[in-house]
Amino acid sequence: MVVPQKVMEQVYEEAKTPFKHGIVLRAEGDGLVDCPSVFRHARQWYMMYAGLDADKTGYQTYLATSPDLLTWRKLGVILPFRRDGWDAWQADGGVALQTCTWGGSYELGTHGGKFWASYIGGAKQGYEPDPLSIGLAWTLDPTAPREWTRLSENPVLAPQQADARPFEARTLYKSNIIRDESRATGYEFVMFYNGKAAGKDWTERIGMAVSDDMVHWQRYGDGPVIDNGRGISGDPQMVQMKDVWVMFYFGAFWRRPDSPSSPGPRDDTKAFDTFACSYDLVHWTTWDGPHLIAPSEPWDATFAHKPWVVKHDGVVYHFYCAVGDQGRQIALATSVDLR
């Protein structure tokens, strides 16, 4: 079920954001911020994001709020260090069960009367040390800056599990969980996440898992659904444009030889945001045209990656992690110039 090139081009034109506004959320001191995911609740915008302190102890998850998607105010930590267990020193979370309709409400759905998030957790200190696994957490109020409750069944997916496929046998990374009312896979809940293979192979690919209860998960398919051959493909975000599912994700250290990409010489050391499309959530057509976001400014000269894209009042807002002369921060690009 290949998505036609004409449809892929229409998605690109709909989602492109050529106007960069710079950094909208900064870390404290010499810390880092990363992995934005944006949602709406009670007519206010919120951002869940990861933060790494100046000592580089590990990721915790934080919450910020905004009235207009441009100006952000930090609220506090919602997934702090546990200091023991499988996720003692890593908890990098993102929203789950968000309304996926492009240009829709972007509110969070519930299951069992609870709001949900998935997160990558680990027992070691540092910047994303292997192995990392995926856990779930819930709250009754996603706008409150207080700790979410983690499932006792965590981790729900781990690289050492017997059904882990070769592409994810070393560590698991960022996930996005959606509710699929059509049950295209036969299950109500679908998770997309990137994993890293064992050994010296640093390639990351995106795979699927499915569930009927948000607690017990099983891997879907024999291998990844997004595989660009080398480098990294990761941090998927799902939206639905009419009958087409769109997965925004980032790429790094690969570029197709026939890709027009961004102006300038080819540079495979950079990270960028791109997308893929599907009609059934299982078979994906990857975009081989210009990147949605690529390094171009001092603040994102190294990496411009890890997308979260929303369309509101006719404007597309593309939040991403920018790495450049100001460290690792969260930046914004838009479809029209709002400056």
Protein backbone atom coordinates (compact mmCIF):
# COMPACT_ATOMS: atom_id res chain seq x y z
CA MET A 1 0.00 0.00 0.00
CA VAL A 2 2.36 2.66 -1.28
CA VAL A 3 1.26 6.26 -0.77
CA PRO A 4 1.42 8.04 -4.17
CA GLN A 5 4.08 10.68 -4.73
CA LYS A 6 1.38 13.31 -5.33
CA VAL A 7 -0.05 12.67 -1.87
CA MET A 8 3.42 12.80 -0.32
CA GLU A 9 4.02 16.17 -1.97
CA GLN A 10 0.68 17.46 -0.67
CA VAL A 11 1.64 16.43 2.87
CA TYR A 12 4.98 18.22 2.56
CA GLU A 13 3.31 21.41 1.34
CA GLU A 14 0.82 21.21 4.19
CA ALA A 15 3.42 20.59 6.92
CA LYS A 16 6.46 22.64 5.84
CA THR A 17 7.60 25.39 8.21
CA PRO A 18 10.24 27.60 6.56
CA PHE A 19 10.17 30.41 9.14
CA LYS A 20 12.47 29.78 12.11
CA HIS A 21 11.73 31.74 15.28
CA GLY A 22 14.65 30.52 17.33
CA ILE A 23 14.67 29.13 20.85
CA VAL A 24 11.39 29.19 22.80
CA LEU A 25 12.34 27.08 25.84
CA ARG A 26 15.78 27.15 27.48
CA ALA A 27 17.48 24.95 30.03
CA GLU A 28 18.67 26.27 33.37
CA GLY A 29 22.37 27.14 33.42
CA ASP A 30 24.47 24.50 31.69
CA GLY A 31 21.64 21.97 31.52
CA LEU A 32 19.86 20.63 28.45
CA VAL A 33 16.23 20.47 27.35
CA ASP A 34 14.98 17.99 24.78
CA CYS A 35 12.08 16.02 23.26
CA PRO A 36 9.09 18.42 23.19
CA SER A 37 5.53 17.12 23.00
CA VAL A 38 2.74 19.70 22.92
CA PHE A 39 -0.94 19.32 23.84
CA ARG A 40 -3.98 21.45 24.67
CA HIS A 41 -6.17 21.30 27.74
CA ALA A 42 -8.92 23.71 28.86
CA ARG A 43 -7.96 26.25 26.16
CA GLN A 44 -4.36 26.38 27.30
CA TRP A 45 -1.28 24.89 25.66
CA TYR A 46 1.17 22.66 27.50
CA MET A 47 4.52 21.14 26.65
CA MET A 48 5.96 18.00 28.14
CA TYR A 49 9.73 17.94 27.71
CA ALA A 50 12.87 16.28 29.02
CA GLY A 51 15.56 18.05 30.99
CA LEU A 52 19.13 17.13 31.87
CA ASP A 53 20.81 19.02 34.70
CA ALA A 54 24.26 20.59 34.47
CA ASP A 55 25.81 17.53 36.14
CA LYS A 56 24.35 15.33 33.36
CA THR A 57 22.85 12.98 35.94
CA GLY A 58 20.00 11.88 33.69
CA TYR A 59 16.72 12.88 32.09
CA GLN A 60 13.67 13.94 34.07
CA THR A 61 10.36 15.07 32.51
CA TYR A 62 8.98 18.57 32.98
CA LEU A 63 5.87 20.57 32.12
CA ALA A 64 5.54 24.08 30.66
CA THR A 65 2.54 26.14 29.58
CA SER A 66 1.76 28.76 26.95
CA PRO A 67 -1.24 30.92 25.96
CA ASP A 68 -0.15 31.22 22.33
CA LEU A 69 2.40 28.50 21.45
CA LEU A 70 5.11 31.17 21.32
CA THR A 71 5.79 32.21 24.92
CA TRP A 72 6.40 29.39 27.38
CA ARG A 73 6.47 29.31 31.18
CA LYS A 74 7.96 26.38 33.09
CA LEU A 75 5.73 24.71 35.69
CA GLY A 76 7.83 21.94 37.22
CA VAL A 77 8.88 18.31 37.12
CA ILE A 78 6.35 15.49 36.56
CA LEU A 79 8.66 12.45 36.22
CA PRO A 80 11.57 12.94 38.65
CA PHE A 81 14.43 10.61 39.51
CA ARG A 82 13.33 7.52 41.46
CA ARG A 83 16.92 6.76 42.54
CA ASP A 84 16.31 3.01 42.50
CA GLY A 85 14.86 0.37 40.22
CA TRP A 86 14.98 -0.06 36.44
CA ASP A 87 14.27 3.68 35.85
CA ALA A 88 16.31 5.10 38.74
CA TRP A 89 18.09 7.85 36.77
CA GLN A 90 16.27 8.25 33.44
CA ALA A 91 12.66 9.28 32.76
CA ASP A 92 12.11 11.00 29.40
CA GLY A 93 8.36 11.23 28.81
CA GLY A 94 5.94 12.21 26.05
CA VAL A 95 2.17 12.48 25.78
CA ALA A 96 0.01 9.51 24.80
CA LEU A 97 -3.50 9.15 23.35
CA GLN A 98 -3.52 12.67 21.93
CA THR A 99 -6.20 13.58 19.42
CA CYS A 100 -4.35 12.92 16.17
CA THR A 101 -6.54 14.91 13.76
CA TRP A 102 -4.43 17.42 11.87
CA GLY A 103 -5.66 20.90 12.78
CA GLY A 104 -7.84 19.41 15.52
CA SER A 105 -8.05 20.02 19.25
CA TYR A 106 -4.73 18.33 20.22
CA GLU A 107 -6.32 17.40 23.54
CA LEU A 108 -5.33 14.26 25.37
CA GLY A 109 -7.69 11.32 25.42
CA THR A 110 -8.13 9.10 28.44
CA HIS A 111 -8.23 5.40 29.18
CA GLY A 112 -9.78 4.15 32.39
CA GLY A 113 -10.43 7.77 33.37
CA LYS A 114 -6.70 8.56 33.35
CA PHE A 115 -4.35 10.60 31.18
CA TRP A 116 -1.28 8.72 29.99
CA ALA A 117 2.35 9.25 29.02
CA SER A 118 5.05 6.89 27.84
CA TYR A 119 8.67 7.37 28.80
CA ILE A 120 12.11 5.90 28.30
CA GLY A 121 13.72 4.89 31.57
CA GLY A 122 17.07 3.55 32.68
CA ALA A 123 19.04 2.69 35.80
CA LYS A 124 22.33 4.34 34.80
CA GLN A 125 23.38 7.97 35.05
CA GLY A 126 24.47 10.06 32.07
CA TYR A 127 23.13 11.01 28.66
CA GLU A 128 20.91 8.17 27.37
CA PRO A 129 23.10 5.28 28.57
CA ASP A 130 22.19 1.77 27.39
CA PRO A 131 20.04 -0.08 28.12
CA LEU A 132 16.85 1.99 28.06
CA SER A 133 13.32 0.59 28.24
CA ILE A 134 9.79 1.97 27.85
CA GLY A 135 7.43 2.56 30.76
CA LEU A 136 4.01 4.15 31.21
CA ALA A 137 2.70 6.68 33.70
CA TRP A 138 -0.69 8.26 34.35
CA THR A 139 -2.33 11.23 36.06
CA LEU A 140 -5.81 12.58 36.70
CA ASP A 141 -4.72 16.13 35.81
CA PRO A 142 -2.17 16.56 32.99
CA THR A 143 -1.81 20.29 33.73
CA ALA A 144 -0.64 19.92 37.34
CA PRO A 145 3.13 20.14 37.98
CA ARG A 146 3.25 17.11 40.24
CA GLU A 147 4.56 13.60 39.87
CA TRP A 148 2.69 11.16 37.65
CA THR A 149 2.02 7.61 38.83
CA ARG A 150 4.16 4.95 37.16
CA LEU A 151 2.73 1.54 36.35
CA SER A 152 3.78 -1.27 38.61
CA GLU A 153 4.00 -3.46 35.47
CA ASN A 154 6.80 -1.28 34.04
CA PRO A 155 8.76 -1.56 31.89
CA VAL A 156 6.12 -2.51 29.33
CA LEU A 157 8.79 -2.97 26.62
CA ALA A 158 12.46 -3.76 27.20
CA PRO A 159 15.32 -4.78 24.91
CA GLN A 160 16.04 -7.96 26.87
CA GLN A 161 12.51 -9.38 26.41
CA ALA A 162 12.28 -12.64 24.51
CA ASP A 163 10.25 -11.16 21.65
CA ALA A 164 12.59 -8.19 21.07
CA ARG A 165 13.57 -8.04 17.42
CA PRO A 166 17.18 -7.59 16.29
CA PHE A 167 16.78 -3.89 15.52
CA GLU A 168 15.79 -3.14 19.14
CA ALA A 169 17.93 -5.62 21.09
CA ARG A 170 20.24 -3.02 22.65
CA THR A 171 18.05 -0.14 23.78
CA LEU A 172 14.62 1.45 23.22
CA TYR A 173 13.99 5.14 22.68
CA LYS A 174 11.17 7.66 22.43
CA SER A 175 7.64 6.35 21.81
CA ASN A 176 4.27 7.77 20.75
CA ILE A 177 1.05 5.93 21.59
CA ILE A 178 -2.17 6.54 19.66
CA ARG A 179 -5.71 5.22 19.90
CA ASP A 180 -6.78 3.71 16.57
CA GLU A 181 -10.57 3.63 16.45
CA SER A 182 -10.47 1.65 13.18
CA ARG A 183 -8.36 -1.10 14.76
CA ALA A 184 -6.36 -1.45 11.55
CA THR A 185 -3.93 -3.73 13.39
CA GLY A 186 -6.67 -5.50 15.32
CA TYR A 187 -5.80 -3.55 18.48
CA GLU A 188 -7.05 -0.28 19.97
CA PHE A 189 -3.69 1.11 21.08
CA VAL A 190 -0.63 1.38 18.84
CA MET A 191 2.85 2.44 19.91
CA PHE A 192 5.64 3.59 17.61
CA TYR A 193 9.17 3.82 18.97
CA ASN A 194 12.78 3.65 17.83
CA GLY A 195 15.22 0.98 18.90
CA LYS A 196 18.93 0.32 18.57
CA ALA A 197 20.48 -3.01 17.60
CA ALA A 198 22.98 -4.92 19.72
CA GLY A 199 26.70 -4.81 19.12
CA LYS A 200 28.55 -2.02 17.35
CA ASP A 201 25.69 -1.14 14.99
CA TRP A 202 24.45 2.35 15.96
CA THR A 203 21.59 2.29 13.48
CA GLU A 204 18.20 3.17 14.97
CA ARG A 205 14.94 2.11 13.33
CA ILE A 206 11.26 2.65 14.16
CA GLY A 207 9.02 -0.27 15.11
CA MET A 208 5.49 -0.94 16.39
CA ALA A 209 3.82 -2.51 19.40
CA VAL A 210 0.10 -2.98 20.10
CA SER A 211 -2.18 -3.35 23.12
CA ASP A 212 -5.82 -3.64 24.10
CA ASP A 213 -5.43 -2.34 27.65
CA MET A 214 -2.46 0.13 27.67
CA VAL A 215 -0.65 -2.15 30.12
CA HIS A 216 0.24 -5.35 28.27
CA TRP A 217 2.05 -4.77 24.98
CA GLN A 218 3.21 -7.06 22.20
CA ARG A 219 5.49 -6.25 19.29
CA TYR A 220 3.87 -6.09 15.87
CA GLY A 221 5.56 -7.46 12.76
CA ASP A 222 8.89 -9.10 12.14
CA GLY A 223 10.94 -5.93 11.88
CA PRO A 224 10.87 -2.14 11.79
CA VAL A 225 8.33 -0.08 9.87
CA ILE A 226 10.84 2.73 9.17
CA ASP A 227 14.34 1.70 8.15
CA ASN A 228 16.58 4.15 6.31
CA GLY A 229 19.48 1.73 6.18
CA ARG A 230 21.92 3.54 8.45
CA GLY A 231 22.11 6.32 10.99
CA ILE A 232 19.10 7.23 13.12
CA SER A 233 15.38 7.31 12.41
CA GLY A 234 13.58 8.19 15.62
CA ASP A 235 11.20 10.11 17.88
CA PRO A 236 7.99 9.46 15.92
CA GLN A 237 4.92 11.68 16.26
CA MET A 238 1.62 10.58 14.70
CA VAL A 239 -1.05 12.77 13.07
CA GLN A 240 -3.90 11.98 10.69
CA MET A 241 -4.56 14.09 7.58
CA LYS A 242 -7.95 12.85 6.37
CA ASP A 243 -7.34 9.22 5.27
CA VAL A 244 -3.54 9.41 5.51
CA TRP A 245 -1.52 8.73 8.63
CA VAL A 246 1.57 10.92 8.84
CA MET A 247 4.55 10.07 11.02
CA PHE A 248 6.87 12.99 11.71
CA TYR A 249 10.29 11.75 12.79
CA PHE A 250 13.93 12.76 12.73
CA GLY A 251 16.80 11.43 10.69
CA ALA A 252 20.51 11.66 11.35
CA PHE A 253 23.68 10.47 9.64
CA TRP A 254 21.94 9.35 6.45
CA ARG A 255 20.71 11.03 3.34
CA ARG A 256 19.42 9.46 0.17
CA PRO A 257 21.69 10.23 -2.79
CA ASP A 258 18.70 11.40 -4.86
CA SER A 259 17.27 13.66 -2.15
CA PRO A 260 17.22 17.39 -2.97
CA SER A 261 17.24 18.06 0.78
CA SER A 262 18.41 21.44 1.99
CA PRO A 263 20.50 23.88 -0.04
CA GLY A 264 24.25 23.55 0.31
CA PRO A 265 26.74 20.68 0.31
CA ARG A 266 25.79 17.22 1.51
CA ASP A 267 26.58 16.73 5.21
CA ASP A 268 25.68 13.39 6.79
CA THR A 269 26.80 14.52 10.26
CA LYS A 270 23.63 16.61 10.70
CA ALA A 271 20.19 15.72 12.09
CA PHE A 272 16.93 16.85 10.50
CA ASP A 273 13.15 16.30 10.62
CA THR A 274 11.21 14.49 7.92
CA PHE A 275 8.08 12.29 7.60
CA ALA A 276 6.50 9.11 6.27
CA CYS A 277 2.89 8.30 5.29
CA SER A 278 0.61 5.26 5.56
CA TYR A 279 -2.99 4.23 4.94
CA ASP A 280 -2.99 1.32 7.41
CA LEU A 281 -0.34 2.16 10.09
CA VAL A 282 1.68 -0.88 8.99
CA HIS A 283 3.05 -0.09 5.52
CA TRP A 284 4.91 3.22 5.30
CA THR A 285 6.15 5.35 2.42
CA THR A 286 9.08 7.56 3.38
CA TRP A 287 9.47 11.09 2.02
CA ASP A 288 12.56 11.61 -0.11
CA GLY A 289 12.20 15.33 -0.75
CA PRO A 290 13.34 18.42 1.17
CA HIS A 291 13.59 18.11 4.94
CA LEU A 292 10.88 19.73 7.06
CA ILE A 293 13.60 21.19 9.30
CA ALA A 294 17.37 21.09 8.85
CA PRO A 295 20.33 22.90 10.44
CA SER A 296 20.65 26.42 9.07
CA GLU A 297 21.12 28.85 11.98
CA PRO A 298 23.77 29.19 14.70
CA TRP A 299 21.40 27.84 17.36
CA ASP A 300 20.60 24.65 15.36
CA ALA A 301 23.79 24.33 13.31
CA THR A 302 24.54 20.80 14.55
CA PHE A 303 21.10 19.20 14.98
CA ALA A 304 17.57 20.36 14.13
CA HIS A 305 15.56 17.33 15.14
CA LYS A 306 12.98 15.51 17.32
CA PRO A 307 9.74 17.01 15.94
CA TRP A 308 6.41 17.85 17.46
CA VAL A 309 4.14 19.47 14.88
CA VAL A 310 0.68 20.99 15.36
CA LYS A 311 -1.60 23.07 13.14
CA HIS A 312 -3.67 25.71 14.94
CA ASP A 313 -5.79 28.49 13.43
CA GLY A 314 -4.28 27.83 10.02
CA VAL A 315 -0.65 28.03 11.20
CA VAL A 316 1.73 25.07 11.49
CA TYR A 317 3.98 25.12 14.57
CA HIS A 318 7.00 22.82 14.42
CA PHE A 319 8.76 22.41 17.77
CA TYR A 320 12.14 20.72 17.70
CA CYS A 321 15.35 20.18 19.63
CA ALA A 322 18.01 22.61 18.41
CA VAL A 323 21.68 21.91 19.08
CA GLY A 324 24.14 24.64 18.20
CA ASP A 325 26.00 27.57 19.70
CA GLN A 326 23.53 27.84 22.61
CA GLY A 327 23.61 24.21 23.68
CA ARG A 328 20.65 21.83 23.45
CA GLN A 329 17.41 23.84 23.60
CA ILE A 330 13.85 23.71 22.20
CA ALA A 331 13.18 25.85 19.14
CA LEU A 332 10.22 26.65 16.91
CA ALA A 333 9.58 27.06 13.20
CA THR A 334 6.24 28.03 11.61
CA SER A 335 4.48 27.92 8.26
CA VAL A 336 4.01 31.71 8.22
CA ASP A 337 6.22 34.45 9.57
CA LEU A 338 4.73 35.42 12.94
CA ARG A 339 7.49 37.87 13.81
